[in-house]
Amino acid sequence: RLANLHESLGELEIAADYYHSLFEANVDIITTTQKVANVYMKLNDYEMAQRYIEKALKENYDIELQFINAKCLYKLKDFEGALEALEEYKEKSKSLENIEETNALIEELQEKQENNTSLFSRLFGFLDK
């Protein structure tokens, strides 16, 4: 309740501390992880959000956490990791709730990978000459 209160008041750092305590105590790990990840994402600290999600996914896999994980990886510019996470999400998800956003992100990430591949090819081709 204190974490929710501080989050609603905009005191995100304090809310993150309370959520962290709940996470460490393994209190409803999926919900707690989603909340702490959302707080860190609001703080634009995607690295911390992704750390919590990664720990939670190892302990208890949850498909919705996988989607949030993909978003964090995308924000961290780990496009390959984000693409893998989104493809796994799409494969295992029975919900169509995020399907349009998922397909759009997958398409965007595939384009980024193709651009990076062609950039590396041009760079290494230049170095070979």
N, C-alpha and C. Protein backbone atom coordinates (compact mmCIF):
# COMPACT_ATOMS: atom_id res chain seq x y z
N ARG A 1 0.83 -1.20 0.00
CA ARG A 1 0.00 0.00 0.00
C ARG A 1 0.87 1.25 0.00
N LEU A 2 1.97 1.22 0.77
CA LEU A 2 2.86 2.38 0.80
C LEU A 2 3.49 2.61 -0.56
N ALA A 3 3.88 1.53 -1.22
CA ALA A 3 4.48 1.67 -2.54
C ALA A 3 3.48 2.31 -3.50
N ASN A 4 2.24 1.83 -3.49
CA ASN A 4 1.20 2.41 -4.36
C ASN A 4 0.96 3.88 -4.04
N LEU A 5 0.93 4.20 -2.76
CA LEU A 5 0.71 5.58 -2.33
C LEU A 5 1.81 6.49 -2.85
N HIS A 6 3.06 6.09 -2.63
CA HIS A 6 4.18 6.92 -3.10
C HIS A 6 4.20 7.02 -4.63
N GLU A 7 3.83 5.95 -5.31
CA GLU A 7 3.78 6.01 -6.77
C GLU A 7 2.71 6.98 -7.23
N SER A 8 1.54 6.92 -6.59
CA SER A 8 0.46 7.83 -6.99
C SER A 8 0.80 9.29 -6.67
N LEU A 9 1.65 9.51 -5.66
CA LEU A 9 2.08 10.88 -5.32
C LEU A 9 3.23 11.35 -6.20
N GLY A 10 3.72 10.45 -7.05
CA GLY A 10 4.82 10.82 -7.94
C GLY A 10 6.18 10.67 -7.29
N GLU A 11 6.22 10.07 -6.13
CA GLU A 11 7.49 9.84 -5.42
C GLU A 11 8.02 8.47 -5.85
N LEU A 12 8.49 8.42 -7.09
CA LEU A 12 8.82 7.15 -7.71
C LEU A 12 10.02 6.46 -7.09
N GLU A 13 11.01 7.20 -6.66
CA GLU A 13 12.19 6.58 -6.04
C GLU A 13 11.81 5.86 -4.75
N ILE A 14 10.96 6.50 -3.95
CA ILE A 14 10.51 5.89 -2.70
C ILE A 14 9.65 4.66 -3.00
N ALA A 15 8.77 4.78 -3.99
CA ALA A 15 7.93 3.65 -4.39
C ALA A 15 8.80 2.49 -4.85
N ALA A 16 9.86 2.78 -5.61
CA ALA A 16 10.76 1.73 -6.09
C ALA A 16 11.41 1.01 -4.92
N ASP A 17 11.78 1.75 -3.87
CA ASP A 17 12.37 1.12 -2.68
C ASP A 17 11.39 0.15 -2.02
N TYR A 18 10.14 0.56 -1.90
CA TYR A 18 9.14 -0.32 -1.30
C TYR A 18 8.89 -1.55 -2.17
N TYR A 19 8.78 -1.34 -3.47
CA TYR A 19 8.59 -2.47 -4.38
C TYR A 19 9.79 -3.42 -4.32
N HIS A 20 10.98 -2.84 -4.21
CA HIS A 20 12.20 -3.65 -4.10
C HIS A 20 12.10 -4.56 -2.87
N SER A 21 11.63 -4.02 -1.76
CA SER A 21 11.48 -4.81 -0.53
C SER A 21 10.49 -5.96 -0.74
N LEU A 22 9.40 -5.67 -1.43
CA LEU A 22 8.42 -6.72 -1.72
C LEU A 22 9.02 -7.78 -2.63
N PHE A 23 9.79 -7.34 -3.61
CA PHE A 23 10.43 -8.26 -4.54
C PHE A 23 11.38 -9.19 -3.79
N GLU A 24 12.21 -8.62 -2.92
CA GLU A 24 13.17 -9.41 -2.16
C GLU A 24 12.47 -10.40 -1.22
N ALA A 25 11.29 -10.05 -0.76
CA ALA A 25 10.53 -10.93 0.14
C ALA A 25 9.69 -11.95 -0.63
N ASN A 26 9.79 -11.93 -1.95
CA ASN A 26 9.04 -12.85 -2.83
C ASN A 26 7.53 -12.76 -2.59
N VAL A 27 7.04 -11.55 -2.40
CA VAL A 27 5.61 -11.34 -2.22
C VAL A 27 4.98 -11.12 -3.59
N ASP A 28 4.18 -12.07 -4.03
CA ASP A 28 3.51 -12.00 -5.34
C ASP A 28 4.49 -11.49 -6.39
N ILE A 29 5.48 -12.32 -6.69
CA ILE A 29 6.64 -11.92 -7.48
C ILE A 29 6.28 -11.32 -8.85
N ILE A 30 5.28 -11.86 -9.51
CA ILE A 30 4.93 -11.35 -10.85
C ILE A 30 4.36 -9.95 -10.75
N THR A 31 3.36 -9.75 -9.89
CA THR A 31 2.76 -8.43 -9.74
C THR A 31 3.78 -7.42 -9.24
N THR A 32 4.57 -7.83 -8.24
CA THR A 32 5.58 -6.92 -7.70
C THR A 32 6.60 -6.54 -8.77
N THR A 33 7.02 -7.51 -9.56
CA THR A 33 7.99 -7.23 -10.62
C THR A 33 7.41 -6.27 -11.64
N GLN A 34 6.17 -6.50 -12.03
CA GLN A 34 5.54 -5.59 -12.99
C GLN A 34 5.49 -4.17 -12.44
N LYS A 35 5.16 -4.05 -11.17
CA LYS A 35 5.06 -2.72 -10.58
C LYS A 35 6.42 -2.05 -10.47
N VAL A 36 7.42 -2.78 -9.97
CA VAL A 36 8.75 -2.17 -9.82
C VAL A 36 9.33 -1.85 -11.20
N ALA A 37 9.11 -2.71 -12.17
CA ALA A 37 9.60 -2.45 -13.53
C ALA A 37 8.93 -1.20 -14.10
N ASN A 38 7.62 -1.07 -13.89
CA ASN A 38 6.90 0.10 -14.40
C ASN A 38 7.41 1.39 -13.75
N VAL A 39 7.71 1.32 -12.45
CA VAL A 39 8.24 2.51 -11.76
C VAL A 39 9.60 2.88 -12.36
N TYR A 40 10.47 1.89 -12.53
CA TYR A 40 11.79 2.20 -13.11
C TYR A 40 11.67 2.67 -14.55
N MET A 41 10.70 2.16 -15.28
CA MET A 41 10.50 2.62 -16.66
C MET A 41 10.02 4.08 -16.66
N LYS A 42 9.18 4.44 -15.70
CA LYS A 42 8.75 5.85 -15.58
C LYS A 42 9.94 6.75 -15.26
N LEU A 43 10.90 6.18 -14.53
CA LEU A 43 12.12 6.93 -14.18
C LEU A 43 13.15 6.87 -15.31
N ASN A 44 12.80 6.23 -16.41
CA ASN A 44 13.69 6.02 -17.56
C ASN A 44 14.95 5.24 -17.17
N ASP A 45 14.83 4.40 -16.16
CA ASP A 45 15.93 3.53 -15.75
C ASP A 45 15.60 2.12 -16.24
N TYR A 46 15.76 1.92 -17.54
CA TYR A 46 15.38 0.67 -18.17
C TYR A 46 16.30 -0.48 -17.77
N GLU A 47 17.52 -0.15 -17.42
CA GLU A 47 18.46 -1.18 -16.99
C GLU A 47 17.99 -1.83 -15.69
N MET A 48 17.60 -1.01 -14.71
CA MET A 48 17.09 -1.56 -13.45
C MET A 48 15.80 -2.33 -13.67
N ALA A 49 14.91 -1.79 -14.49
CA ALA A 49 13.65 -2.48 -14.78
C ALA A 49 13.94 -3.85 -15.38
N GLN A 50 14.86 -3.90 -16.31
CA GLN A 50 15.17 -5.15 -16.99
C GLN A 50 15.82 -6.15 -16.03
N ARG A 51 16.62 -5.67 -15.09
CA ARG A 51 17.24 -6.58 -14.10
C ARG A 51 16.17 -7.29 -13.28
N TYR A 52 15.18 -6.53 -12.81
CA TYR A 52 14.11 -7.13 -12.02
C TYR A 52 13.31 -8.13 -12.86
N ILE A 53 13.01 -7.75 -14.06
CA ILE A 53 12.23 -8.64 -14.93
C ILE A 53 12.99 -9.93 -15.20
N GLU A 54 14.28 -9.80 -15.48
CA GLU A 54 15.10 -10.97 -15.76
C GLU A 54 15.12 -11.93 -14.56
N LYS A 55 15.28 -11.39 -13.35
CA LYS A 55 15.26 -12.23 -12.14
C LYS A 55 13.91 -12.93 -12.00
N ALA A 56 12.85 -12.20 -12.20
CA ALA A 56 11.50 -12.77 -12.04
C ALA A 56 11.23 -13.83 -13.09
N LEU A 57 11.68 -13.61 -14.32
CA LEU A 57 11.46 -14.59 -15.39
C LEU A 57 12.19 -15.89 -15.09
N LYS A 58 13.36 -15.79 -14.46
CA LYS A 58 14.11 -17.00 -14.11
C LYS A 58 13.39 -17.78 -13.01
N GLU A 59 12.78 -17.08 -12.07
CA GLU A 59 12.10 -17.73 -10.95
C GLU A 59 10.73 -18.27 -11.33
N ASN A 60 10.00 -17.50 -12.12
CA ASN A 60 8.62 -17.86 -12.43
C ASN A 60 8.25 -17.20 -13.75
N TYR A 61 8.32 -17.93 -14.85
CA TYR A 61 8.07 -17.36 -16.16
C TYR A 61 6.63 -16.85 -16.27
N ASP A 62 6.51 -15.65 -16.79
CA ASP A 62 5.19 -15.05 -17.01
C ASP A 62 5.21 -14.36 -18.36
N ILE A 63 4.24 -14.63 -19.19
CA ILE A 63 4.22 -14.13 -20.56
C ILE A 63 4.14 -12.61 -20.62
N GLU A 64 3.40 -11.98 -19.71
CA GLU A 64 3.29 -10.52 -19.73
C GLU A 64 4.60 -9.87 -19.32
N LEU A 65 5.33 -10.51 -18.39
CA LEU A 65 6.66 -9.99 -18.04
C LEU A 65 7.60 -10.07 -19.24
N GLN A 66 7.41 -11.11 -20.05
CA GLN A 66 8.25 -11.25 -21.25
C GLN A 66 8.03 -10.06 -22.20
N PHE A 67 6.79 -9.60 -22.30
CA PHE A 67 6.49 -8.45 -23.16
C PHE A 67 7.15 -7.18 -22.61
N ILE A 68 7.06 -6.98 -21.30
CA ILE A 68 7.71 -5.82 -20.67
C ILE A 68 9.22 -5.92 -20.82
N ASN A 69 9.75 -7.14 -20.71
CA ASN A 69 11.17 -7.38 -20.90
C ASN A 69 11.60 -6.95 -22.30
N ALA A 70 10.82 -7.29 -23.29
CA ALA A 70 11.13 -6.91 -24.67
C ALA A 70 11.16 -5.39 -24.82
N LYS A 71 10.22 -4.70 -24.19
CA LYS A 71 10.20 -3.24 -24.25
C LYS A 71 11.45 -2.64 -23.61
N CYS A 72 11.86 -3.20 -22.47
CA CYS A 72 13.07 -2.70 -21.80
C CYS A 72 14.30 -2.93 -22.67
N LEU A 73 14.41 -4.12 -23.22
CA LEU A 73 15.56 -4.43 -24.08
C LEU A 73 15.59 -3.49 -25.29
N TYR A 74 14.43 -3.19 -25.82
CA TYR A 74 14.34 -2.26 -26.95
C TYR A 74 14.86 -0.88 -26.53
N LYS A 75 14.41 -0.41 -25.37
CA LYS A 75 14.85 0.90 -24.88
C LYS A 75 16.35 0.92 -24.60
N LEU A 76 16.90 -0.25 -24.22
CA LEU A 76 18.33 -0.36 -23.96
C LEU A 76 19.13 -0.57 -25.24
N LYS A 77 18.42 -0.58 -26.37
CA LYS A 77 19.02 -0.75 -27.70
C LYS A 77 19.66 -2.13 -27.88
N ASP A 78 19.15 -3.11 -27.13
CA ASP A 78 19.53 -4.50 -27.35
C ASP A 78 18.48 -5.07 -28.30
N PHE A 79 18.61 -4.70 -29.57
CA PHE A 79 17.59 -5.03 -30.55
C PHE A 79 17.48 -6.54 -30.78
N GLU A 80 18.60 -7.24 -30.75
CA GLU A 80 18.56 -8.69 -30.94
C GLU A 80 17.83 -9.36 -29.77
N GLY A 81 18.15 -8.95 -28.55
CA GLY A 81 17.48 -9.50 -27.37
C GLY A 81 15.99 -9.16 -27.38
N ALA A 82 15.66 -7.94 -27.77
CA ALA A 82 14.25 -7.52 -27.83
C ALA A 82 13.49 -8.35 -28.87
N LEU A 83 14.12 -8.58 -30.01
CA LEU A 83 13.48 -9.36 -31.06
C LEU A 83 13.22 -10.79 -30.58
N GLU A 84 14.21 -11.40 -29.93
CA GLU A 84 14.04 -12.75 -29.40
C GLU A 84 12.90 -12.79 -28.36
N ALA A 85 12.88 -11.80 -27.48
CA ALA A 85 11.85 -11.75 -26.44
C ALA A 85 10.46 -11.58 -27.06
N LEU A 86 10.35 -10.73 -28.07
CA LEU A 86 9.06 -10.51 -28.73
C LEU A 86 8.59 -11.75 -29.48
N GLU A 87 9.52 -12.42 -30.13
CA GLU A 87 9.14 -13.63 -30.87
C GLU A 87 8.67 -14.72 -29.91
N GLU A 88 9.35 -14.83 -28.76
CA GLU A 88 8.94 -15.79 -27.75
C GLU A 88 7.56 -15.41 -27.19
N TYR A 89 7.38 -14.11 -26.95
CA TYR A 89 6.09 -13.63 -26.46
C TYR A 89 4.98 -13.97 -27.45
N LYS A 90 5.24 -13.69 -28.71
CA LYS A 90 4.22 -13.91 -29.74
C LYS A 90 3.90 -15.40 -29.86
N GLU A 91 4.93 -16.23 -29.75
CA GLU A 91 4.74 -17.67 -29.86
C GLU A 91 3.93 -18.24 -28.69
N LYS A 92 4.19 -17.75 -27.47
CA LYS A 92 3.55 -18.32 -26.29
C LYS A 92 2.27 -17.60 -25.87
N SER A 93 2.05 -16.41 -26.39
CA SER A 93 0.89 -15.63 -25.96
C SER A 93 -0.39 -16.15 -26.62
N LYS A 94 -1.39 -16.29 -25.80
CA LYS A 94 -2.70 -16.67 -26.32
C LYS A 94 -3.60 -15.44 -26.43
N SER A 95 -3.11 -14.34 -25.93
CA SER A 95 -3.88 -13.10 -25.93
C SER A 95 -3.55 -12.30 -27.19
N LEU A 96 -4.53 -11.64 -27.71
CA LEU A 96 -4.32 -10.77 -28.86
C LEU A 96 -4.21 -9.31 -28.44
N GLU A 97 -4.11 -9.09 -27.12
CA GLU A 97 -4.11 -7.73 -26.58
C GLU A 97 -2.97 -6.88 -27.13
N ASN A 98 -1.76 -7.42 -27.16
CA ASN A 98 -0.59 -6.66 -27.60
C ASN A 98 -0.08 -7.10 -28.97
N ILE A 99 -0.89 -7.83 -29.73
CA ILE A 99 -0.41 -8.45 -30.97
C ILE A 99 -0.02 -7.41 -32.03
N GLU A 100 -0.80 -6.34 -32.16
CA GLU A 100 -0.47 -5.32 -33.16
C GLU A 100 0.84 -4.62 -32.81
N GLU A 101 0.98 -4.25 -31.54
CA GLU A 101 2.21 -3.61 -31.08
C GLU A 101 3.39 -4.57 -31.23
N THR A 102 3.18 -5.84 -30.92
CA THR A 102 4.22 -6.85 -31.03
C THR A 102 4.67 -6.99 -32.48
N ASN A 103 3.73 -7.13 -33.39
CA ASN A 103 4.08 -7.28 -34.81
C ASN A 103 4.82 -6.04 -35.33
N ALA A 104 4.37 -4.86 -34.93
CA ALA A 104 5.04 -3.63 -35.37
C ALA A 104 6.47 -3.55 -34.84
N LEU A 105 6.66 -3.91 -33.57
CA LEU A 105 8.00 -3.89 -32.99
C LEU A 105 8.91 -4.94 -33.64
N ILE A 106 8.38 -6.13 -33.90
CA ILE A 106 9.17 -7.17 -34.56
C ILE A 106 9.62 -6.70 -35.93
N GLU A 107 8.71 -6.10 -36.67
CA GLU A 107 9.04 -5.58 -38.00
C GLU A 107 10.13 -4.52 -37.92
N GLU A 108 9.98 -3.60 -36.98
CA GLU A 108 10.96 -2.53 -36.80
C GLU A 108 12.33 -3.09 -36.41
N LEU A 109 12.33 -4.06 -35.52
CA LEU A 109 13.60 -4.66 -35.06
C LEU A 109 14.27 -5.44 -36.18
N GLN A 110 13.49 -6.12 -37.00
CA GLN A 110 14.07 -6.85 -38.12
C GLN A 110 14.71 -5.88 -39.12
N GLU A 111 14.07 -4.74 -39.35
CA GLU A 111 14.64 -3.72 -40.22
C GLU A 111 15.95 -3.19 -39.65
N LYS A 112 15.98 -2.94 -38.34
CA LYS A 112 17.20 -2.45 -37.69
C LYS A 112 18.32 -3.46 -37.82
N GLN A 113 17.99 -4.74 -37.66
CA GLN A 113 19.01 -5.77 -37.80
C GLN A 113 19.55 -5.82 -39.22
N GLU A 114 18.66 -5.70 -40.20
CA GLU A 114 19.09 -5.71 -41.60
C GLU A 114 19.98 -4.51 -41.89
N ASN A 115 19.62 -3.35 -41.36
CA ASN A 115 20.43 -2.15 -41.56
C ASN A 115 21.80 -2.31 -40.92
N ASN A 116 21.85 -2.87 -39.71
CA ASN A 116 23.13 -3.09 -39.03
C ASN A 116 23.99 -4.08 -39.80
N THR A 117 23.36 -5.13 -40.33
CA THR A 117 24.10 -6.14 -41.10
C THR A 117 24.70 -5.51 -42.34
N SER A 118 23.92 -4.70 -43.07
CA SER A 118 24.45 -4.08 -44.28
C SER A 118 25.52 -3.05 -43.94
N LEU A 119 25.38 -2.36 -42.82
CA LEU A 119 26.40 -1.40 -42.39
C LEU A 119 27.71 -2.13 -42.09
N PHE A 120 27.63 -3.26 -41.38
CA PHE A 120 28.84 -4.03 -41.08
C PHE A 120 29.47 -4.57 -42.36
N SER A 121 28.63 -5.02 -43.29
CA SER A 121 29.15 -5.54 -44.55
C SER A 121 29.91 -4.45 -45.31
N ARG A 122 29.31 -3.25 -45.35
CA ARG A 122 29.98 -2.14 -46.05
C ARG A 122 31.27 -1.77 -45.34
N LEU A 123 31.24 -1.74 -44.03
CA LEU A 123 32.42 -1.37 -43.25
C LEU A 123 33.53 -2.40 -43.46
N PHE A 124 33.21 -3.68 -43.32
CA PHE A 124 34.23 -4.71 -43.48
C PHE A 124 34.68 -4.82 -44.94
N GLY A 125 33.76 -4.57 -45.86
CA GLY A 125 34.14 -4.55 -47.28
C GLY A 125 35.13 -3.42 -47.55
N PHE A 126 34.92 -2.28 -46.93
CA PHE A 126 35.81 -1.14 -47.07
C PHE A 126 37.17 -1.48 -46.47
N LEU A 127 37.18 -2.13 -45.32
CA LEU A 127 38.44 -2.48 -44.66
C LEU A 127 39.22 -3.53 -45.42
N ASP A 128 38.52 -4.39 -46.17
CA ASP A 128 39.19 -5.43 -46.95
C ASP A 128 39.94 -4.84 -48.14
N LYS A 129 39.51 -3.66 -48.61
CA LYS A 129 40.12 -3.08 -49.82
C LYS A 129 41.45 -2.51 -49.53
